[in-house]
PDB file of N, CA and C in Angstrom:
ATOM      1  N   MET A   1       0.734  -1.331   0.079  1.00  0.00           N
ATOM      2  CA  MET A   1      -0.480   0.541  -0.152  1.00  0.00           C
ATOM      3  C   MET A   1       0.516   1.248   0.119  1.00  0.00           C
ATOM      4  N   MET A   2       0.275   2.246  -0.774  1.00  0.00           N
ATOM      5  CA  MET A   2       0.742   3.984  -1.014  1.00  0.00           C
ATOM      6  C   MET A   2       1.376   3.829   0.716  1.00  0.00           C
ATOM      7  N   MET A   3       2.821   5.065   1.065  1.00  0.00           N
ATOM      8  CA  MET A   3       2.517   5.487   2.495  1.00  0.00           C
ATOM      9  C   MET A   3       2.509   6.845   1.895  1.00  0.00           C
ATOM     10  N   CYS A   4       1.330   7.365   2.772  1.00  0.00           N
ATOM     11  CA  CYS A   4       0.868   8.656   2.649  1.00  0.00           C
ATOM     12  C   CYS A   4       1.958   9.970   2.244  1.00  0.00           C
ATOM     13  N   LYS A   5       3.550  10.044   2.446  1.00  0.00           N
ATOM     14  CA  LYS A   5       4.265  10.657   2.277  1.00  0.00           C
ATOM     15  C   LYS A   5       3.806  10.848   0.203  1.00  0.00           C
ATOM     16  N   GLU A   6       3.945   9.426   0.353  1.00  0.00           N
ATOM     17  CA  GLU A   6       3.454   9.408  -1.507  1.00  0.00           C
ATOM     18  C   GLU A   6       2.575   9.993  -2.593  1.00  0.00           C
ATOM     19  N   ALA A   7       1.871   9.501  -1.144  1.00  0.00           N
ATOM     20  CA  ALA A   7       0.161   9.682  -1.963  1.00  0.00           C
ATOM     21  C   ALA A   7       0.715  11.512  -1.972  1.00  0.00           C
ATOM     22  N   THR A   8       1.262  12.236  -0.501  1.00  0.00           N
ATOM     23  CA  THR A   8       0.268  13.628  -0.935  1.00  0.00           C
ATOM     24  C   THR A   8       1.581  14.383  -2.446  1.00  0.00           C
ATOM     25  N   ARG A   9       2.232  13.789  -2.198  1.00  0.00           N
ATOM     26  CA  ARG A   9       3.718  13.778  -3.617  1.00  0.00           C
ATOM     27  C   ARG A   9       2.332  14.127  -4.927  1.00  0.00           C
ATOM     28  N   LEU A  10       1.767  12.644  -5.085  1.00  0.00           N
ATOM     29  CA  LEU A  10       0.772  12.515  -6.222  1.00  0.00           C
ATOM     30  C   LEU A  10      -0.285  14.006  -6.596  1.00  0.00           C
ATOM     31  N   MET A  11      -0.828  13.956  -5.274  1.00  0.00           N
ATOM     32  CA  MET A  11      -1.963  15.493  -4.879  1.00  0.00           C
ATOM     33  C   MET A  11      -1.496  16.400  -5.978  1.00  0.00           C
ATOM     34  N   SER A  12       0.260  16.896  -5.027  1.00  0.00           N
ATOM     35  CA  SER A  12       0.327  17.949  -5.264  1.00  0.00           C
ATOM     36  C   SER A  12       0.499  17.794  -7.436  1.00  0.00           C
ATOM     37  N   LEU A  13       1.225  16.483  -7.168  1.00  0.00           N
ATOM     38  CA  LEU A  13       1.470  16.614  -8.642  1.00  0.00           C
ATOM     39  C   LEU A  13       0.873  16.806  -9.430  1.00  0.00           C
ATOM     40  N   LYS A  14      -0.560  16.049  -9.151  1.00  0.00           N
ATOM     41  CA  LYS A  14      -1.858  15.685 -10.124  1.00  0.00           C
ATOM     42  C   LYS A  14      -2.013  16.867 -10.830  1.00  0.00           C
ATOM     43  N   ARG A  15      -1.876  18.805 -10.221  1.00  0.00           N
ATOM     44  CA  ARG A  15      -1.979  19.581 -10.234  1.00  0.00           C
ATOM     45  C   ARG A  15      -1.098  20.636 -11.299  1.00  0.00           C
ATOM     46  N   ASP A  16      -0.011  19.423 -11.637  1.00  0.00           N
ATOM     47  CA  ASP A  16       1.297  20.790 -12.721  1.00  0.00           C
ATOM     48  C   ASP A  16       1.014  18.896 -13.577  1.00  0.00           C
ATOM     49  N   ARG A  17       0.775  18.129 -13.757  1.00  0.00           N
ATOM     50  CA  ARG A  17       0.850  17.411 -15.036  1.00  0.00           C
ATOM     51  C   ARG A  17      -0.615  16.161 -14.734  1.00  0.00           C
ATOM     52  N   SER A  18      -0.590  16.010 -15.547  1.00  0.00           N
ATOM     53  CA  SER A  18      -1.671  14.448 -15.564  1.00  0.00           C
ATOM     54  C   SER A  18      -0.960  13.344 -15.042  1.00  0.00           C
ATOM     55  N   LEU A  19      -1.587  12.270 -14.402  1.00  0.00           N
ATOM     56  CA  LEU A  19      -0.832  11.272 -13.532  1.00  0.00           C
ATOM     57  C   LEU A  19      -0.972  10.099 -14.732  1.00  0.00           C
ATOM     58  N   THR A  20      -0.159   9.206 -14.534  1.00  0.00           N
ATOM     59  CA  THR A  20       0.815   7.777 -14.795  1.00  0.00           C
ATOM     60  C   THR A  20      -1.136   6.904 -14.905  1.00  0.00           C
ATOM     61  N   PHE A  21      -1.264   5.799 -15.228  1.00  0.00           N
ATOM     62  CA  PHE A  21      -2.471   4.858 -14.896  1.00  0.00           C
ATOM     63  C   PHE A  21      -2.545   4.501 -13.541  1.00  0.00           C
ATOM     64  N   GLN A  22      -1.252   3.849 -13.298  1.00  0.00           N
ATOM     65  CA  GLN A  22      -0.673   3.350 -12.378  1.00  0.00           C
ATOM     66  C   GLN A  22      -0.854   4.446 -10.682  1.00  0.00           C
ATOM     67  N   GLU A  23       0.301   5.760 -11.421  1.00  0.00           N
ATOM     68  CA  GLU A  23      -0.226   6.856 -10.647  1.00  0.00           C
ATOM     69  C   GLU A  23      -1.520   7.061  -9.377  1.00  0.00           C
ATOM     70  N   ARG A  24      -2.419   7.164 -10.597  1.00  0.00           N
ATOM     71  CA  ARG A  24      -3.956   7.502 -10.340  1.00  0.00           C
ATOM     72  C   ARG A  24      -5.208   6.562  -9.974  1.00  0.00           C
ATOM     73  N   LEU A  25      -4.727   5.030 -10.295  1.00  0.00           N
ATOM     74  CA  LEU A  25      -5.050   3.966  -9.435  1.00  0.00           C
ATOM     75  C   LEU A  25      -4.448   3.752  -8.288  1.00  0.00           C
ATOM     76  N   SER A  26      -2.717   4.141  -7.506  1.00  0.00           N
ATOM     77  CA  SER A  26      -2.348   4.029  -6.620  1.00  0.00           C
ATOM     78  C   SER A  26      -3.394   4.628  -6.078  1.00  0.00           C
ATOM     79  N   LEU A  27      -2.671   6.495  -6.280  1.00  0.00           N
ATOM     80  CA  LEU A  27      -3.351   7.684  -5.549  1.00  0.00           C
ATOM     81  C   LEU A  27      -5.460   6.902  -5.479  1.00  0.00           C
ATOM     82  N   ARG A  28      -5.523   6.612  -6.219  1.00  0.00           N
ATOM     83  CA  ARG A  28      -7.319   6.393  -6.008  1.00  0.00           C
ATOM     84  C   ARG A  28      -7.508   5.091  -4.394  1.00  0.00           C
ATOM     85  N   LEU A  29      -7.177   4.517  -4.489  1.00  0.00           N
ATOM     86  CA  LEU A  29      -7.136   2.994  -4.010  1.00  0.00           C
ATOM     87  C   LEU A  29      -6.726   3.531  -2.235  1.00  0.00           C
ATOM     88  N   HIS A  30      -6.014   4.404  -2.339  1.00  0.00           N
ATOM     89  CA  HIS A  30      -4.713   4.978  -0.889  1.00  0.00           C
ATOM     90  C   HIS A  30      -6.053   5.985  -0.119  1.00  0.00           C
ATOM     91  N   LEU A  31      -6.672   6.765  -1.326  1.00  0.00           N
ATOM     92  CA  LEU A  31      -7.515   7.922  -1.148  1.00  0.00           C
ATOM     93  C   LEU A  31      -8.844   7.141  -0.539  1.00  0.00           C
ATOM     94  N   ALA A  32      -9.389   6.282  -1.262  1.00  0.00           N
ATOM     95  CA  ALA A  32     -10.525   5.586   0.047  1.00  0.00           C
ATOM     96  C   ALA A  32     -10.023   4.373   0.866  1.00  0.00           C
ATOM     97  N   MET A  33      -9.457   4.796   1.042  1.00  0.00           N
ATOM     98  CA  MET A  33      -8.456   3.947   3.195  1.00  0.00           C
ATOM     99  C   MET A  33      -8.590   5.204   3.733  1.00  0.00           C
ATOM    100  N   CYS A  34      -8.239   6.324   3.033  1.00  0.00           N
ATOM    101  CA  CYS A  34      -7.290   7.252   4.079  1.00  0.00           C
ATOM    102  C   CYS A  34      -7.992   8.358   4.213  1.00  0.00           C
ATOM    103  N   GLY A  35      -8.764   8.795   5.428  1.00  0.00           N
ATOM    104  CA  GLY A  35      -9.483   9.777   5.003  1.00  0.00           C
ATOM    105  C   GLY A  35      -8.478  11.148   5.650  1.00  0.00           C
ATOM    106  N   ALA A  36      -7.894  11.100   6.260  1.00  0.00           N
ATOM    107  CA  ALA A  36      -6.381  12.059   6.458  1.00  0.00           C
ATOM    108  C   ALA A  36      -5.933  12.504   5.203  1.00  0.00           C
ATOM    109  N   CYS A  37      -5.925  11.906   4.518  1.00  0.00           N
ATOM    110  CA  CYS A  37      -5.080  12.523   3.260  1.00  0.00           C
ATOM    111  C   CYS A  37      -5.881  12.561   1.545  1.00  0.00           C
ATOM    112  N   ARG A  38      -8.016  12.522   2.208  1.00  0.00           N
ATOM    113  CA  ARG A  38      -8.566  12.645   1.589  1.00  0.00           C
ATOM    114  C   ARG A  38      -8.656  14.460   1.910  1.00  0.00           C
ATOM    115  N   ASN A  39      -8.892  14.374   2.912  1.00  0.00           N
ATOM    116  CA  ASN A  39      -9.205  15.836   3.419  1.00  0.00           C
ATOM    117  C   ASN A  39      -8.126  17.085   3.258  1.00  0.00           C
ATOM    118  N   CYS A  40      -6.743  15.969   2.490  1.00  0.00           N
ATOM    119  CA  CYS A  40      -5.697  17.000   2.438  1.00  0.00           C
ATOM    120  C   CYS A  40      -5.343  17.094   0.115  1.00  0.00           C
ATOM    121  N   ASP A  41      -6.764  16.372   0.414  1.00  0.00           N
ATOM    122  CA  ASP A  41      -6.602  16.398  -1.122  1.00  0.00           C
ATOM    123  C   ASP A  41      -7.744  17.432  -1.634  1.00  0.00           C
ATOM    124  N   ARG A  42      -8.847  17.834  -0.485  1.00  0.00           N
ATOM    125  CA  ARG A  42      -9.585  18.876  -0.715  1.00  0.00           C
ATOM    126  C   ARG A  42      -8.958  20.292  -0.666  1.00  0.00           C
ATOM    127  N   GLN A  43      -8.010  19.899   0.156  1.00  0.00           N
ATOM    128  CA  GLN A  43      -7.265  21.110   0.687  1.00  0.00           C
ATOM    129  C   GLN A  43      -5.886  21.667  -0.362  1.00  0.00           C
ATOM    130  N   PHE A  44      -5.603  21.032  -1.217  1.00  0.00           N
ATOM    131  CA  PHE A  44      -5.065  21.094  -1.907  1.00  0.00           C
ATOM    132  C   PHE A  44      -5.838  21.154  -3.495  1.00  0.00           C
ATOM    133  N   GLU A  45      -6.693  21.422  -3.537  1.00  0.00           N
ATOM    134  CA  GLU A  45      -8.060  21.260  -4.832  1.00  0.00           C
ATOM    135  C   GLU A  45      -7.796  23.136  -5.068  1.00  0.00           C
ATOM    136  N   LEU A  46      -8.544  23.360  -2.693  1.00  0.00           N
ATOM    137  CA  LEU A  46      -8.952  24.671  -2.653  1.00  0.00           C
ATOM    138  C   LEU A  46      -7.545  25.744  -2.552  1.00  0.00           C
ATOM    139  N   LEU A  47      -6.507  25.289  -2.477  1.00  0.00           N
ATOM    140  CA  LEU A  47      -5.673  26.142  -3.424  1.00  0.00           C
ATOM    141  C   LEU A  47      -4.992  26.362  -3.669  1.00  0.00           C
ATOM    142  N   HIS A  48      -5.445  25.055  -4.727  1.00  0.00           N
ATOM    143  CA  HIS A  48      -5.294  25.273  -6.371  1.00  0.00           C
ATOM    144  C   HIS A  48      -5.938  26.994  -6.992  1.00  0.00           C
ATOM    145  N   ARG A  49      -7.129  26.120  -6.619  1.00  0.00           N
ATOM    146  CA  ARG A  49      -8.097  27.224  -7.331  1.00  0.00           C
ATOM    147  C   ARG A  49      -8.483  28.888  -6.812  1.00  0.00           C
ATOM    148  N   VAL A  50      -7.781  28.906  -5.242  1.00  0.00           N
ATOM    149  CA  VAL A  50      -8.030  30.456  -4.455  1.00  0.00           C
ATOM    150  C   VAL A  50      -6.488  30.806  -5.687  1.00  0.00           C
ATOM    151  N   GLY A  51      -5.219  29.871  -5.503  1.00  0.00           N
ATOM    152  CA  GLY A  51      -4.001  30.512  -6.539  1.00  0.00           C
ATOM    153  C   GLY A  51      -4.113  30.836  -7.655  1.00  0.00           C
ATOM    154  N   HIS A  52      -5.282  30.281  -8.761  1.00  0.00           N
ATOM    155  CA  HIS A  52      -5.748  30.699  -9.213  1.00  0.00           C
ATOM    156  C   HIS A  52      -6.039  31.444  -9.568  1.00  0.00           C
ATOM    157  N   HIS A  53      -6.920  32.174  -8.782  1.00  0.00           N
ATOM    158  CA  HIS A  53      -8.373  33.095  -8.663  1.00  0.00           C
ATOM    159  C   HIS A  53      -7.237  34.304  -8.298  1.00  0.00           C
ATOM    160  N   TYR A  54      -6.020  34.059  -7.597  1.00  0.00           N
ATOM    161  CA  TYR A  54      -4.811  34.929  -7.396  1.00  0.00           C
ATOM    162  C   TYR A  54      -4.125  36.025  -7.801  1.00  0.00           C
ATOM    163  N   GLU A  55      -3.904  35.167  -9.247  1.00  0.00           N
ATOM    164  CA  GLU A  55      -2.946  35.183  -9.522  1.00  0.00           C
ATOM    165  C   GLU A  55      -2.012  36.906 -10.014  1.00  0.00           C
ATOM    166  N   PRO A  56      -1.059  36.772 -10.356  1.00  0.00           N
ATOM    167  CA  PRO A  56      -0.309  38.092  -9.864  1.00  0.00           C
ATOM    168  C   PRO A  56      -0.827  39.136 -11.442  1.00  0.00           C
ATOM    169  N   THR A  57      -0.827  39.746 -11.054  1.00  0.00           N
ATOM    170  CA  THR A  57      -0.842  40.663 -12.604  1.00  0.00           C
ATOM    171  C   THR A  57       0.309  41.374 -12.663  1.00  0.00           C
ATOM    172  N   SER A  58       0.856  41.589 -13.910  1.00  0.00           N
ATOM    173  CA  SER A  58       1.948  42.286 -14.407  1.00  0.00           C
ATOM    174  C   SER A  58       2.255  44.087 -14.131  1.00  0.00           C
ATOM    175  N   GLU A  59       0.937  44.360 -13.504  1.00  0.00           N
ATOM    176  CA  GLU A  59       0.760  46.023 -12.815  1.00  0.00           C
ATOM    177  C   GLU A  59       1.078  45.718 -10.927  1.00  0.00           C
ATOM    178  N   GLY A  60       2.389  46.108 -10.531  1.00  0.00           N
ATOM    179  CA  GLY A  60       2.278  46.227  -9.210  1.00  0.00           C
ATOM    180  C   GLY A  60       2.748  44.959  -8.756  1.00  0.00           C
ATOM    181  N   ASP A  61       3.455  44.288  -9.454  1.00  0.00           N
ATOM    182  CA  ASP A  61       4.104  42.775  -8.930  1.00  0.00           C
ATOM    183  C   ASP A  61       5.418  42.921  -8.364  1.00  0.00           C
ATOM    184  N   GLY A  62       4.858  42.261  -6.720  1.00  0.00           N
ATOM    185  CA  GLY A  62       6.245  42.198  -5.971  1.00  0.00           C
ATOM    186  C   GLY A  62       5.841  43.970  -5.045  1.00  0.00           C
ATOM    187  N   GLU A  63       5.472  44.742  -5.962  1.00  0.00           N
ATOM    188  CA  GLU A  63       5.933  46.225  -4.638  1.00  0.00           C
ATOM    189  C   GLU A  63       4.969  46.546  -4.203  1.00  0.00           C
ATOM    190  N   ARG A  64       5.457  47.030  -3.281  1.00  0.00           N
ATOM    191  CA  ARG A  64       4.911  47.320  -1.153  1.00  0.00           C
ATOM    192  C   ARG A  64       4.533  49.035  -1.572  1.00  0.00           C
ATOM    193  N   ASP A  65       2.841  48.713  -1.046  1.00  0.00           N
ATOM    194  CA  ASP A  65       2.674  50.132  -0.424  1.00  0.00           C
ATOM    195  C   ASP A  65       2.737  50.882   0.070  1.00  0.00           C
ATOM    196  N   GLU A  66       3.138  52.716  -0.647  1.00  0.00           N
ATOM    197  CA  GLU A  66       4.263  53.254   0.070  1.00  0.00           C
ATOM    198  C   GLU A  66       3.980  54.279   0.863  1.00  0.00           C
ATOM    199  N   GLU A  67       2.214  54.140   0.205  1.00  0.00           N
ATOM    200  CA  GLU A  67       1.121  55.735   1.455  1.00  0.00           C
ATOM    201  C   GLU A  67       1.075  55.181   1.985  1.00  0.00           C
ATOM    202  N   ASN A  68       0.682  53.561   2.047  1.00  0.00           N
ATOM    203  CA  ASN A  68       0.646  53.314   3.861  1.00  0.00           C
ATOM    204  C   ASN A  68       2.349  52.609   4.531  1.00  0.00           C
ATOM    205  N   GLY A  69       2.848  53.715   4.525  1.00  0.00           N
ATOM    206  CA  GLY A  69       4.141  53.193   5.225  1.00  0.00           C
ATOM    207  C   GLY A  69       4.979  51.715   4.809  1.00  0.00           C
ATOM    208  N   ASP A  70       3.968  51.082   3.593  1.00  0.00           N
ATOM    209  CA  ASP A  70       4.705  49.614   3.535  1.00  0.00           C
ATOM    210  C   ASP A  70       6.027  49.594   3.086  1.00  0.00           C
ATOM    211  N   GLY A  71       5.974  50.192   2.632  1.00  0.00           N
ATOM    212  CA  GLY A  71       7.513  50.568   1.200  1.00  0.00           C
ATOM    213  C   GLY A  71       8.626  50.697   2.361  1.00  0.00           C
ATOM    214  N   ASP A  72       8.814  51.708   2.997  1.00  0.00           N
ATOM    215  CA  ASP A  72      10.086  52.743   3.508  1.00  0.00           C
ATOM    216  C   ASP A  72      10.052  51.425   4.934  1.00  0.00           C
ATOM    217  N   PRO A  73      11.114  51.179   5.437  1.00  0.00           N
ATOM    218  CA  PRO A  73      11.121  50.214   6.187  1.00  0.00           C
ATOM    219  C   PRO A  73      11.630  51.700   8.167  1.00  0.00           C
ATOM    220  N   ASP A  74      12.006  52.598   8.001  1.00  0.00           N
ATOM    221  CA  ASP A  74      12.231  54.308   8.657  1.00  0.00           C
ATOM    222  C   ASP A  74      10.986  54.906   8.350  1.00  0.00           C
ATOM    223  N   SER A  75       9.906  53.981   7.596  1.00  0.00           N
ATOM    224  CA  SER A  75       8.543  55.542   8.112  1.00  0.00           C
ATOM    225  C   SER A  75       7.899  54.815   8.885  1.00  0.00           C
ATOM    226  N   PRO A  76       7.413  56.260   9.920  1.00  0.00           N
ATOM    227  CA  PRO A  76       7.570  56.460  11.116  1.00  0.00           C
ATOM    228  C   PRO A  76       6.228  54.733  10.868  1.00  0.00           C
ATOM    229  N   GLY A  77       5.724  54.607  12.397  1.00  0.00           N
ATOM    230  CA  GLY A  77       4.642  53.338  12.404  1.00  0.00           C
ATOM    231  C   GLY A  77       5.101  51.754  13.061  1.00  0.00           C
ATOM    232  N   ARG A  78       6.992  52.321  12.377  1.00  0.00           N
ATOM    233  CA  ARG A  78       6.806  50.722  12.438  1.00  0.00           C
ATOM    234  C   ARG A  78       7.905  51.162  13.376  1.00  0.00           C
TER     235      ARG A  78
END
């Protein structure tokens, strides 16, 4: 039987590429028996959906808000 560590790796990997038939089968069997991994898979799916919803735009990537004092470490309020 597949260990939870391997199942977690496959759960993450399936969001990046298609799993092989053997990987899918092994993961499905593991998920059928492991409630903790089923919960983990649901959480991965939620994070995947939320992450795609909030993808950074080209405008303002990585910039800090200087109006609120977040851009200058020496600004008041720190």
